C-alpha atoms as a PDB file:
ATOM      1  CA  MET A   1     -10.498  -2.809  17.092  1.00  0.00           C
ATOM      2  CA  VAL A   2      -8.582   0.122  15.620  1.00  0.00           C
ATOM      3  CA  VAL A   3      -5.918   0.100  12.931  1.00  0.00           C
ATOM      4  CA  ARG A   4      -3.020   1.084  15.246  1.00  0.00           C
ATOM      5  CA  GLU A   5      -3.474  -2.141  17.207  1.00  0.00           C
ATOM      6  CA  ILE A   6      -2.390  -4.380  14.328  1.00  0.00           C
ATOM      7  CA  MET A   7      -0.596  -2.193  11.746  1.00  0.00           C
ATOM      8  CA  SER A   8       3.058  -2.741  10.863  1.00  0.00           C
ATOM      9  CA  ARG A   9       5.182   0.069  12.281  1.00  0.00           C
ATOM     10  CA  ASP A  10       8.581  -0.721  10.784  1.00  0.00           C
ATOM     11  CA  VAL A  11       7.936   0.986   7.456  1.00  0.00           C
ATOM     12  CA  VAL A  12      10.495   1.595   4.745  1.00  0.00           C
ATOM     13  CA  THR A  13       9.747   4.581   2.534  1.00  0.00           C
ATOM     14  CA  GLY A  14      11.028   5.799  -0.795  1.00  0.00           C
ATOM     15  CA  ARG A  15      11.244   9.207  -2.429  1.00  0.00           C
ATOM     16  CA  PRO A  16       9.757  10.265  -5.753  1.00  0.00           C
ATOM     17  CA  ASP A  17      13.169  11.513  -6.965  1.00  0.00           C
ATOM     18  CA  GLN A  18      14.802   8.075  -6.572  1.00  0.00           C
ATOM     19  CA  GLY A  19      15.497   5.705  -9.385  1.00  0.00           C
ATOM     20  CA  LEU A  20      13.348   2.595  -9.535  1.00  0.00           C
ATOM     21  CA  ALA A  21      16.435   0.396  -9.095  1.00  0.00           C
ATOM     22  CA  ALA A  22      17.081   1.804  -5.599  1.00  0.00           C
ATOM     23  CA  VAL A  23      13.534   1.095  -4.459  1.00  0.00           C
ATOM     24  CA  LEU A  24      13.630  -2.387  -5.983  1.00  0.00           C
ATOM     25  CA  GLN A  25      16.894  -3.119  -4.181  1.00  0.00           C
ATOM     26  CA  THR A  26      15.360  -2.117  -0.848  1.00  0.00           C
ATOM     27  CA  MET A  27      12.231  -4.136  -1.570  1.00  0.00           C
ATOM     28  CA  HIS A  28      14.392  -7.157  -2.395  1.00  0.00           C
ATOM     29  CA  GLU A  29      16.591  -6.801   0.708  1.00  0.00           C
ATOM     30  CA  ARG A  30      13.628  -6.365   3.057  1.00  0.00           C
ATOM     31  CA  ASN A  31      11.290  -8.829   1.284  1.00  0.00           C
ATOM     32  CA  LEU A  32       8.699  -6.130   0.601  1.00  0.00           C
ATOM     33  CA  GLY A  33       6.080  -5.870  -2.102  1.00  0.00           C
ATOM     34  CA  PHE A  34       4.976  -2.358  -1.183  1.00  0.00           C
ATOM     35  CA  GLU A  35       6.630   0.900  -0.260  1.00  0.00           C
ATOM     36  CA  PRO A  36       5.035   4.270   0.545  1.00  0.00           C
ATOM     37  CA  ILE A  37       6.642   7.175  -1.329  1.00  0.00           C
ATOM     38  CA  VAL A  38       7.050  10.361   0.709  1.00  0.00           C
ATOM     39  CA  ASN A  39       8.049  13.868  -0.337  1.00  0.00           C
ATOM     40  CA  SER A  40      10.561  16.130   1.431  1.00  0.00           C
ATOM     41  CA  GLU A  41       7.860  17.262   3.872  1.00  0.00           C
ATOM     42  CA  GLY A  42       7.091  13.662   4.819  1.00  0.00           C
ATOM     43  CA  ALA A  43       3.699  13.514   3.073  1.00  0.00           C
ATOM     44  CA  VAL A  44       2.773  10.277   1.325  1.00  0.00           C
ATOM     45  CA  VAL A  45       2.550  11.199  -2.363  1.00  0.00           C
ATOM     46  CA  GLY A  46       2.346   7.725  -3.849  1.00  0.00           C
ATOM     47  CA  VAL A  47       2.951   4.055  -3.245  1.00  0.00           C
ATOM     48  CA  ILE A  48       4.918   1.578  -5.254  1.00  0.00           C
ATOM     49  CA  THR A  49       4.313  -2.138  -5.465  1.00  0.00           C
ATOM     50  CA  ASP A  50       6.346  -4.850  -7.087  1.00  0.00           C
ATOM     51  CA  ARG A  51       3.597  -4.924  -9.739  1.00  0.00           C
ATOM     52  CA  ASP A  52       3.960  -1.172 -10.368  1.00  0.00           C
ATOM     53  CA  ALA A  53       7.686  -1.707 -10.875  1.00  0.00           C
ATOM     54  CA  ALA A  54       7.145  -4.594 -13.283  1.00  0.00           C
ATOM     55  CA  LEU A  55       4.666  -2.561 -15.318  1.00  0.00           C
ATOM     56  CA  ALA A  56       7.036   0.432 -15.460  1.00  0.00           C
ATOM     57  CA  LEU A  57       9.862  -1.806 -16.668  1.00  0.00           C
ATOM     58  CA  GLY A  58       7.543  -3.311 -19.282  1.00  0.00           C
ATOM     59  CA  GLU A  59       6.512   0.132 -20.519  1.00  0.00           C
ATOM     60  CA  HIS A  60      10.154   1.147 -20.984  1.00  0.00           C
ATOM     61  CA  PRO A  61      11.965  -2.016 -22.133  1.00  0.00           C
ATOM     62  CA  GLN A  62      14.874   0.005 -23.527  1.00  0.00           C
ATOM     63  CA  ARG A  63      15.583   1.676 -20.149  1.00  0.00           C
ATOM     64  CA  SER A  64      17.186   0.127 -17.085  1.00  0.00           C
ATOM     65  CA  ALA A  65      15.514   0.387 -13.682  1.00  0.00           C
ATOM     66  CA  SER A  66      18.067   2.987 -12.634  1.00  0.00           C
ATOM     67  CA  ARG A  67      16.879   5.207 -15.503  1.00  0.00           C
ATOM     68  CA  ILE A  68      13.191   5.005 -14.561  1.00  0.00           C
ATOM     69  CA  GLY A  69      12.071   7.377 -11.834  1.00  0.00           C
ATOM     70  CA  VAL A  70       9.972   6.258  -8.913  1.00  0.00           C
ATOM     71  CA  LYS A  71       7.619   9.171  -9.671  1.00  0.00           C
ATOM     72  CA  ASP A  72       6.962   7.551 -13.067  1.00  0.00           C
ATOM     73  CA  ALA A  73       6.232   4.119 -11.592  1.00  0.00           C
ATOM     74  CA  MET A  74       4.331   4.872  -8.375  1.00  0.00           C
ATOM     75  CA  SER A  75       0.583   4.549  -7.997  1.00  0.00           C
ATOM     76  CA  GLN A  76      -1.566   7.574  -7.337  1.00  0.00           C
ATOM     77  CA  PRO A  77      -3.902   8.593  -5.808  1.00  0.00           C
ATOM     78  CA  VAL A  78      -2.944   7.156  -2.442  1.00  0.00           C
ATOM     79  CA  PHE A  79      -5.659   5.318  -0.555  1.00  0.00           C
ATOM     80  CA  SER A  80      -4.930   5.379   3.160  1.00  0.00           C
ATOM     81  CA  CYS A  81      -6.494   5.021   6.579  1.00  0.00           C
ATOM     82  CA  LEU A  82      -6.083   6.687   9.947  1.00  0.00           C
ATOM     83  CA  GLU A  83      -4.340   5.007  12.866  1.00  0.00           C
ATOM     84  CA  ASP A  84      -7.364   5.530  15.136  1.00  0.00           C
ATOM     85  CA  GLU A  85      -9.873   4.328  12.536  1.00  0.00           C
ATOM     86  CA  ASP A  86     -12.000   1.255  13.117  1.00  0.00           C
ATOM     87  CA  LEU A  87     -10.532  -1.720  11.286  1.00  0.00           C
ATOM     88  CA  ARG A  88     -13.842  -2.319   9.515  1.00  0.00           C
ATOM     89  CA  VAL A  89     -13.580   1.111   7.874  1.00  0.00           C
ATOM     90  CA  ALA A  90     -10.061   0.251   6.634  1.00  0.00           C
ATOM     91  CA  LEU A  91     -11.384  -3.047   5.247  1.00  0.00           C
ATOM     92  CA  ALA A  92     -14.070  -1.146   3.351  1.00  0.00           C
ATOM     93  CA  THR A  93     -11.408   1.177   1.886  1.00  0.00           C
ATOM     94  CA  MET A  94      -9.325  -1.796   0.750  1.00  0.00           C
ATOM     95  CA  ALA A  95     -12.342  -3.450  -0.844  1.00  0.00           C
ATOM     96  CA  LYS A  96     -13.551  -0.296  -2.581  1.00  0.00           C
ATOM     97  CA  HIS A  97     -10.172   0.507  -4.118  1.00  0.00           C
ATOM     98  CA  HIS A  98      -8.919  -3.070  -4.733  1.00  0.00           C
ATOM     99  CA  VAL A  99      -5.767  -2.618  -2.625  1.00  0.00           C
ATOM    100  CA  ARG A 100      -4.072  -5.062  -0.264  1.00  0.00           C
ATOM    101  CA  ARG A 101      -2.179  -2.459   1.754  1.00  0.00           C
ATOM    102  CA  LEU A 102      -2.887   1.012   3.101  1.00  0.00           C
ATOM    103  CA  PRO A 103      -0.479   3.623   4.439  1.00  0.00           C
ATOM    104  CA  VAL A 104      -1.608   4.477   7.965  1.00  0.00           C
ATOM    105  CA  LEU A 105      -1.653   8.175   8.820  1.00  0.00           C
ATOM    106  CA  ASP A 106      -2.142  10.156  11.993  1.00  0.00           C
ATOM    107  CA  ARG A 107      -4.635  13.037  12.134  1.00  0.00           C
ATOM    108  CA  GLN A 108      -1.906  15.445  10.929  1.00  0.00           C
ATOM    109  CA  GLY A 109      -1.262  13.313   7.833  1.00  0.00           C
ATOM    110  CA  HIS A 110       2.075  11.837   8.960  1.00  0.00           C
ATOM    111  CA  LEU A 111       2.890   8.243   8.079  1.00  0.00           C
ATOM    112  CA  ARG A 112       2.651   5.977  11.125  1.00  0.00           C
ATOM    113  CA  GLY A 113       2.637   2.530   9.568  1.00  0.00           C
ATOM    114  CA  VAL A 114       1.146   0.238   6.956  1.00  0.00           C
ATOM    115  CA  LEU A 115      -1.911  -1.953   7.263  1.00  0.00           C
ATOM    116  CA  SER A 116      -1.999  -5.047   5.071  1.00  0.00           C
ATOM    117  CA  ILE A 117      -4.400  -7.890   4.509  1.00  0.00           C
ATOM    118  CA  ASP A 118      -1.733 -10.067   6.171  1.00  0.00           C
ATOM    119  CA  ASP A 119      -1.932  -7.937   9.343  1.00  0.00           C
ATOM    120  CA  ILE A 120      -5.707  -8.320   9.413  1.00  0.00           C
ATOM    121  CA  VAL A 121      -5.708 -12.068   8.838  1.00  0.00           C
ATOM    122  CA  ALA A 122      -3.028 -12.603  11.519  1.00  0.00           C
ATOM    123  CA  ALA A 123      -4.711 -10.337  14.104  1.00  0.00           C
ATOM    124  CA  PRO A 124      -6.131 -12.011  17.179  1.00  0.00           C
ATOM    125  CA  ARG A 125      -9.914 -12.282  17.096  1.00  0.00           C
ATOM    126  CA  ARG A 126     -11.728 -10.464  19.863  1.00  0.00           C
ATOM    127  CA  ARG A 127     -14.814  -8.384  20.439  1.00  0.00           C
ATOM    128  CA  GLY A 128     -14.954  -5.557  17.923  1.00  0.00           C
ATOM    129  CA  SER A 129     -12.759  -7.374  15.396  1.00  0.00           C
ATOM    130  CA  PRO A 130     -13.984  -7.823  11.851  1.00  0.00           C
ATOM    131  CA  THR A 131     -15.705 -11.141  11.355  1.00  0.00           C
ATOM    132  CA  ASP A 132     -14.076 -13.883   9.333  1.00  0.00           C
ATOM    133  CA  ALA A 133     -16.830 -13.419   6.747  1.00  0.00           C
ATOM    134  CA  SER A 134     -16.107  -9.695   6.393  1.00  0.00           C
ATOM    135  CA  ILE A 135     -12.394 -10.420   5.960  1.00  0.00           C
ATOM    136  CA  VAL A 136     -13.145 -12.986   3.242  1.00  0.00           C
ATOM    137  CA  GLU A 137     -15.506 -10.536   1.506  1.00  0.00           C
ATOM    138  CA  THR A 138     -12.781  -7.872   1.594  1.00  0.00           C
ATOM    139  CA  ILE A 139     -10.227 -10.238   0.097  1.00  0.00           C
ATOM    140  CA  LYS A 140     -12.709 -11.170  -2.646  1.00  0.00           C
ATOM    141  CA  ALA A 141     -13.328  -7.486  -3.404  1.00  0.00           C
ATOM    142  CA  VAL A 142      -9.609  -6.691  -3.411  1.00  0.00           C
ATOM    143  CA  CYS A 143      -8.935  -9.539  -5.808  1.00  0.00           C
ATOM    144  CA  ALA A 144     -11.867  -8.736  -8.111  1.00  0.00           C
ATOM    145  CA  ARG A 145     -10.791  -7.071 -11.297  1.00  0.00           C
ATOM    146  CA  PRO A 146     -12.114  -3.545 -11.598  1.00  0.00           C
ATOM    147  CA  PRO A 147     -14.097  -2.901 -14.784  1.00  0.00           C
ATOM    148  CA  VAL A 148     -11.978  -2.060 -17.790  1.00  0.00           C
ATOM    149  CA  ALA A 149     -12.877   1.128 -19.622  1.00  0.00           C
ATOM    150  CA  VAL A 150     -13.385   0.425 -23.301  1.00  0.00           C
ATOM    151  CA  ALA A 151     -12.785   3.344 -25.665  1.00  0.00           C
END
């Protein structure tokens, strides 16, 4: 099974020059917890999650969300997958980088969709699909806390 078969195609994107409030409003209206951030050329330059937004607001308690830039709140580097990639490869990427969602790109690097753990869990099981055990192992790896660097 390849990523394009189960990815979400109706993707809302943000821009790095937006204020955080605008992205949060869109996330609220569309019931999203994740938004790819694209530059003027359409390249994915970051992603923002509801957690990223909460952390940015916590780091700047004296500033409103409209005065915090998306570029200051978004996560980088971007971990992604290709639309024609085997789903098991995408699962390995999620597990390795502790992420629940991946922007899906075509071979030219254009955004084509988003693949989430929800998409994978809801996908019909058929030959070539990841096993239930591999999905559970991925979810465990995603949820595992990465080691904290101690200075």
